[in-house]
């Protein structure tokens, strides 16, 4: 996981999952939610600078009149031009129109970050793989409820689904 990863900015999108105050504030491992949020903000800025789409996925509980406090995206995360997706399942594709929005933009490769590694991130990634997207997982841009859950996804599952990198390795070939 040390060589730079060259991405085509015209065909790559960043998907950030469940970066909401109430989730970022949870006790998480192997890194704190605020650390993941900072890494994700840096990735999002680099994607925006390269003209590549940033997709922010957040969950809403179905069947409730009002969402719990802290259910919006973390303050300042959503910028003009970003795509906001509201999901009502663990993954970000089911019933959200996300696939259509990505295909309209010619996206074929997805980079993932967010919380929790083994839940919202992995569920969204598995659906994306089934839809034919190339998958890249940014290990230091995600965390879980336990280090063991995070590590199982990063070391066992993600290498079978795509590539695992660190944020410092992400580079664009176009611009």
C-alpha atoms as a PDB file:
ATOM      1  CA  UNK A   1       0.000   0.000   0.000  1.00  0.00           C
ATOM      2  CA  UNK A   2       2.769   2.516  -0.781  1.00  0.00           C
ATOM      3  CA  UNK A   3       2.727   3.340  -4.529  1.00  0.00           C
ATOM      4  CA  UNK A   4       0.583   6.251  -5.757  1.00  0.00           C
ATOM      5  CA  UNK A   5      -2.754   5.338  -7.253  1.00  0.00           C
ATOM      6  CA  UNK A   6      -3.357   7.130 -10.571  1.00  0.00           C
ATOM      7  CA  UNK A   7      -7.044   7.950 -11.070  1.00  0.00           C
ATOM      8  CA  UNK A   8      -8.875   9.422 -14.045  1.00  0.00           C
ATOM      9  CA  UNK A   9     -10.750  12.438 -12.673  1.00  0.00           C
ATOM     10  CA  UNK A  10     -13.356  12.153 -15.458  1.00  0.00           C
ATOM     11  CA  UNK A  11     -14.292   8.581 -14.483  1.00  0.00           C
ATOM     12  CA  UNK A  12     -13.785   8.493 -10.700  1.00  0.00           C
ATOM     13  CA  UNK A  13     -16.053   9.553  -7.822  1.00  0.00           C
ATOM     14  CA  UNK A  14     -15.467   9.754  -4.082  1.00  0.00           C
ATOM     15  CA  UNK A  15     -18.208   8.141  -1.965  1.00  0.00           C
ATOM     16  CA  UNK A  16     -18.237   9.139   1.697  1.00  0.00           C
ATOM     17  CA  UNK A  17     -20.662   7.228   3.894  1.00  0.00           C
ATOM     18  CA  UNK A  18     -22.479   8.374   7.053  1.00  0.00           C
ATOM     19  CA  UNK A  19     -20.290  11.297   8.066  1.00  0.00           C
ATOM     20  CA  UNK A  20     -22.962  12.703  10.338  1.00  0.00           C
ATOM     21  CA  UNK A  21     -22.317  14.310  13.728  1.00  0.00           C
ATOM     22  CA  UNK A  22     -24.120  11.584  15.683  1.00  0.00           C
ATOM     23  CA  UNK A  23     -22.049   8.871  13.988  1.00  0.00           C
ATOM     24  CA  UNK A  24     -18.709  10.727  13.950  1.00  0.00           C
ATOM     25  CA  UNK A  25     -19.089  11.233  17.731  1.00  0.00           C
ATOM     26  CA  UNK A  26     -19.469   7.509  18.524  1.00  0.00           C
ATOM     27  CA  UNK A  27     -16.631   5.568  20.198  1.00  0.00           C
ATOM     28  CA  UNK A  28     -14.896   4.139  17.118  1.00  0.00           C
ATOM     29  CA  UNK A  29     -11.744   2.149  16.309  1.00  0.00           C
ATOM     30  CA  UNK A  30      -9.012   1.999  15.067  1.00  0.00           C
ATOM     31  CA  UNK A  31      -9.330   5.774  14.735  1.00  0.00           C
ATOM     32  CA  UNK A  32     -11.712   8.399  16.049  1.00  0.00           C
ATOM     33  CA  UNK A  33     -14.529   9.656  13.886  1.00  0.00           C
ATOM     34  CA  UNK A  34     -13.112  13.177  13.882  1.00  0.00           C
ATOM     35  CA  UNK A  35      -9.845  11.828  12.413  1.00  0.00           C
ATOM     36  CA  UNK A  36     -11.758  10.038   9.655  1.00  0.00           C
ATOM     37  CA  UNK A  37     -13.794  13.168   8.984  1.00  0.00           C
ATOM     38  CA  UNK A  38     -10.599  15.234   8.581  1.00  0.00           C
ATOM     39  CA  UNK A  39      -9.116  12.709   6.133  1.00  0.00           C
ATOM     40  CA  UNK A  40     -12.382  12.566   4.191  1.00  0.00           C
ATOM     41  CA  UNK A  41     -12.514  16.376   4.016  1.00  0.00           C
ATOM     42  CA  UNK A  42      -8.992  16.407   2.532  1.00  0.00           C
ATOM     43  CA  UNK A  43      -9.940  13.744  -0.019  1.00  0.00           C
ATOM     44  CA  UNK A  44     -13.104  15.636  -0.946  1.00  0.00           C
ATOM     45  CA  UNK A  45     -11.114  18.840  -1.476  1.00  0.00           C
ATOM     46  CA  UNK A  46      -8.688  17.052  -3.801  1.00  0.00           C
ATOM     47  CA  UNK A  47     -11.578  15.520  -5.770  1.00  0.00           C
ATOM     48  CA  UNK A  48     -13.306  18.892  -6.110  1.00  0.00           C
ATOM     49  CA  UNK A  49     -10.038  20.510  -7.253  1.00  0.00           C
ATOM     50  CA  UNK A  50      -9.657  17.806  -9.912  1.00  0.00           C
ATOM     51  CA  UNK A  51     -13.263  18.242 -11.049  1.00  0.00           C
ATOM     52  CA  UNK A  52     -14.198  14.741  -9.884  1.00  0.00           C
ATOM     53  CA  UNK A  53     -17.578  14.086  -8.215  1.00  0.00           C
ATOM     54  CA  UNK A  54     -17.942  13.922  -4.442  1.00  0.00           C
ATOM     55  CA  UNK A  55     -20.910  11.877  -3.203  1.00  0.00           C
ATOM     56  CA  UNK A  56     -21.995  12.278   0.421  1.00  0.00           C
ATOM     57  CA  UNK A  57     -24.279   9.501   1.641  1.00  0.00           C
ATOM     58  CA  UNK A  58     -26.206   9.787   4.882  1.00  0.00           C
ATOM     59  CA  UNK A  59     -28.773   7.583   6.525  1.00  0.00           C
ATOM     60  CA  UNK A  60     -32.278   8.429   7.645  1.00  0.00           C
ATOM     61  CA  UNK A  61     -34.307   6.076   9.777  1.00  0.00           C
ATOM     62  CA  UNK A  62     -37.423   4.983   7.902  1.00  0.00           C
ATOM     63  CA  UNK A  63     -40.846   5.333   9.467  1.00  0.00           C
ATOM     64  CA  UNK A  64     -40.034   7.997  12.039  1.00  0.00           C
ATOM     65  CA  UNK A  65     -41.537  11.485  12.108  1.00  0.00           C
ATOM     66  CA  UNK A  66     -38.268  13.155  13.067  1.00  0.00           C
ATOM     67  CA  UNK A  67     -34.643  12.075  12.664  1.00  0.00           C
ATOM     68  CA  UNK A  68     -32.400  11.984  15.761  1.00  0.00           C
ATOM     69  CA  UNK A  69     -30.267  15.051  16.504  1.00  0.00           C
ATOM     70  CA  UNK A  70     -27.018  15.006  14.548  1.00  0.00           C
ATOM     71  CA  UNK A  71     -28.527  13.288  11.490  1.00  0.00           C
ATOM     72  CA  UNK A  72     -27.371  15.903   8.977  1.00  0.00           C
ATOM     73  CA  UNK A  73     -23.971  15.669   7.330  1.00  0.00           C
ATOM     74  CA  UNK A  74     -21.125  17.062   9.418  1.00  0.00           C
ATOM     75  CA  UNK A  75     -21.083  20.850   9.213  1.00  0.00           C
ATOM     76  CA  UNK A  76     -19.242  22.209   6.194  1.00  0.00           C
ATOM     77  CA  UNK A  77     -18.815  18.832   4.511  1.00  0.00           C
ATOM     78  CA  UNK A  78     -21.363  19.369   1.722  1.00  0.00           C
ATOM     79  CA  UNK A  79     -20.161  21.881  -0.895  1.00  0.00           C
ATOM     80  CA  UNK A  80     -21.802  23.274  -4.030  1.00  0.00           C
ATOM     81  CA  UNK A  81     -21.666  20.671  -6.794  1.00  0.00           C
ATOM     82  CA  UNK A  82     -21.523  17.671  -4.442  1.00  0.00           C
ATOM     83  CA  UNK A  83     -24.122  14.928  -4.669  1.00  0.00           C
ATOM     84  CA  UNK A  84     -26.039  14.229  -1.456  1.00  0.00           C
ATOM     85  CA  UNK A  85     -27.702  10.829  -1.193  1.00  0.00           C
ATOM     86  CA  UNK A  86     -30.145   9.878   1.560  1.00  0.00           C
ATOM     87  CA  UNK A  87     -30.342   6.142   2.194  1.00  0.00           C
ATOM     88  CA  UNK A  88     -32.781   4.208   4.327  1.00  0.00           C
ATOM     89  CA  UNK A  89     -30.905   0.904   4.297  1.00  0.00           C
ATOM     90  CA  UNK A  90     -27.332  -0.002   5.253  1.00  0.00           C
ATOM     91  CA  UNK A  91     -26.023   0.513   1.722  1.00  0.00           C
ATOM     92  CA  UNK A  92     -26.181   3.627  -0.427  1.00  0.00           C
ATOM     93  CA  UNK A  93     -27.556   2.202  -3.682  1.00  0.00           C
ATOM     94  CA  UNK A  94     -30.905   0.613  -2.820  1.00  0.00           C
ATOM     95  CA  UNK A  95     -33.728   2.968  -3.812  1.00  0.00           C
ATOM     96  CA  UNK A  96     -31.569   6.125  -3.938  1.00  0.00           C
ATOM     97  CA  UNK A  97     -30.899   6.704  -7.645  1.00  0.00           C
ATOM     98  CA  UNK A  98     -27.156   6.752  -6.942  1.00  0.00           C
ATOM     99  CA  UNK A  99     -26.268   4.400  -9.802  1.00  0.00           C
ATOM    100  CA  UNK A 100     -28.119   6.585 -12.340  1.00  0.00           C
ATOM    101  CA  UNK A 101     -26.439   9.746 -11.074  1.00  0.00           C
ATOM    102  CA  UNK A 102     -22.982   8.180 -11.331  1.00  0.00           C
ATOM    103  CA  UNK A 103     -23.595   6.710 -14.797  1.00  0.00           C
ATOM    104  CA  UNK A 104     -24.850  10.101 -16.063  1.00  0.00           C
ATOM    105  CA  UNK A 105     -21.403  11.455 -15.196  1.00  0.00           C
ATOM    106  CA  UNK A 106     -19.509   8.558 -16.818  1.00  0.00           C
ATOM    107  CA  UNK A 107     -18.150   7.299 -13.497  1.00  0.00           C
ATOM    108  CA  UNK A 108     -16.618   3.809 -13.561  1.00  0.00           C
ATOM    109  CA  UNK A 109     -14.378   3.895 -10.459  1.00  0.00           C
ATOM    110  CA  UNK A 110     -15.436   4.597  -6.869  1.00  0.00           C
ATOM    111  CA  UNK A 111     -13.219   5.525  -3.911  1.00  0.00           C
ATOM    112  CA  UNK A 112     -14.717   4.820  -0.504  1.00  0.00           C
ATOM    113  CA  UNK A 113     -14.418   6.338   2.947  1.00  0.00           C
ATOM    114  CA  UNK A 114     -16.732   6.760   5.916  1.00  0.00           C
ATOM    115  CA  UNK A 115     -18.230   5.100   8.972  1.00  0.00           C
ATOM    116  CA  UNK A 116     -18.607   2.221   9.646  1.00  0.00           C
ATOM    117  CA  UNK A 117     -16.092   0.301   7.556  1.00  0.00           C
ATOM    118  CA  UNK A 118     -17.868  -3.050   7.831  1.00  0.00           C
ATOM    119  CA  UNK A 119     -21.441  -1.727   7.633  1.00  0.00           C
ATOM    120  CA  UNK A 120     -22.384   1.285   5.498  1.00  0.00           C
ATOM    121  CA  UNK A 121     -19.104   1.425   3.581  1.00  0.00           C
ATOM    122  CA  UNK A 122     -18.884  -2.293   2.852  1.00  0.00           C
ATOM    123  CA  UNK A 123     -22.575  -2.666   2.032  1.00  0.00           C
ATOM    124  CA  UNK A 124     -22.427   0.236  -0.419  1.00  0.00           C
ATOM    125  CA  UNK A 125     -19.238  -1.138  -1.958  1.00  0.00           C
ATOM    126  CA  UNK A 126     -20.653  -4.636  -2.434  1.00  0.00           C
ATOM    127  CA  UNK A 127     -23.645  -3.226  -4.302  1.00  0.00           C
ATOM    128  CA  UNK A 128     -21.298  -1.064  -6.410  1.00  0.00           C
ATOM    129  CA  UNK A 129     -19.225  -4.123  -7.271  1.00  0.00           C
ATOM    130  CA  UNK A 130     -22.363  -5.972  -8.329  1.00  0.00           C
ATOM    131  CA  UNK A 131     -23.142  -3.023 -10.616  1.00  0.00           C
ATOM    132  CA  UNK A 132     -19.720  -3.269 -12.280  1.00  0.00           C
ATOM    133  CA  UNK A 133     -17.822  -0.369 -10.722  1.00  0.00           C
ATOM    134  CA  UNK A 134     -14.112  -0.615  -9.977  1.00  0.00           C
ATOM    135  CA  UNK A 135     -13.615  -0.182  -6.226  1.00  0.00           C
ATOM    136  CA  UNK A 136     -10.903   1.533  -4.213  1.00  0.00           C
ATOM    137  CA  UNK A 137     -10.960   1.630  -0.405  1.00  0.00           C
ATOM    138  CA  UNK A 138      -9.103   4.378   1.457  1.00  0.00           C
ATOM    139  CA  UNK A 139      -8.169   2.598   4.672  1.00  0.00           C
ATOM    140  CA  UNK A 140      -7.318   5.690   6.720  1.00  0.00           C
ATOM    141  CA  UNK A 141     -10.566   7.386   5.637  1.00  0.00           C
ATOM    142  CA  UNK A 142     -12.749   4.896   7.501  1.00  0.00           C
ATOM    143  CA  UNK A 143     -13.293   3.370  10.926  1.00  0.00           C
ATOM    144  CA  UNK A 144     -15.698   1.011  12.705  1.00  0.00           C
ATOM    145  CA  UNK A 145     -17.144   0.179  16.116  1.00  0.00           C
ATOM    146  CA  UNK A 146     -14.165  -2.083  16.842  1.00  0.00           C
ATOM    147  CA  UNK A 147     -10.682  -2.371  15.357  1.00  0.00           C
ATOM    148  CA  UNK A 148     -11.357  -6.063  14.646  1.00  0.00           C
ATOM    149  CA  UNK A 149     -14.394  -5.219  12.478  1.00  0.00           C
ATOM    150  CA  UNK A 150     -12.438  -2.576  10.569  1.00  0.00           C
ATOM    151  CA  UNK A 151      -9.460  -4.902  10.081  1.00  0.00           C
ATOM    152  CA  UNK A 152     -11.617  -7.803   8.868  1.00  0.00           C
ATOM    153  CA  UNK A 153     -13.089  -5.642   6.120  1.00  0.00           C
ATOM    154  CA  UNK A 154      -9.793  -3.996   5.148  1.00  0.00           C
ATOM    155  CA  UNK A 155      -7.628  -7.123   5.258  1.00  0.00           C
ATOM    156  CA  UNK A 156     -10.026  -9.891   4.264  1.00  0.00           C
ATOM    157  CA  UNK A 157     -12.965  -8.494   2.278  1.00  0.00           C
ATOM    158  CA  UNK A 158     -11.836  -5.333   0.501  1.00  0.00           C
ATOM    159  CA  UNK A 159      -8.796  -6.865  -1.271  1.00  0.00           C
ATOM    160  CA  UNK A 160     -11.200  -9.354  -2.870  1.00  0.00           C
ATOM    161  CA  UNK A 161     -13.482  -6.540  -4.051  1.00  0.00           C
ATOM    162  CA  UNK A 162     -10.951  -3.935  -5.191  1.00  0.00           C
ATOM    163  CA  UNK A 163      -7.819  -2.077  -4.110  1.00  0.00           C
ATOM    164  CA  UNK A 164      -6.929  -0.838  -0.623  1.00  0.00           C
ATOM    165  CA  UNK A 165      -4.894   2.376  -0.384  1.00  0.00           C
ATOM    166  CA  UNK A 166      -4.142   5.210   2.010  1.00  0.00           C
ATOM    167  CA  UNK A 167      -5.246   8.778   1.369  1.00  0.00           C
ATOM    168  CA  UNK A 168      -1.695   9.967   0.619  1.00  0.00           C
ATOM    169  CA  UNK A 169      -1.566   7.600  -2.369  1.00  0.00           C
ATOM    170  CA  UNK A 170      -4.553   9.129  -4.208  1.00  0.00           C
ATOM    171  CA  UNK A 171      -3.523  11.090  -7.338  1.00  0.00           C
ATOM    172  CA  UNK A 172      -5.295  12.102 -10.565  1.00  0.00           C
ATOM    173  CA  UNK A 173      -3.999  11.587 -14.109  1.00  0.00           C
ATOM    174  CA  UNK A 174      -6.274  14.229 -15.684  1.00  0.00           C
ATOM    175  CA  UNK A 175      -7.181  17.606 -14.592  1.00  0.00           C
END
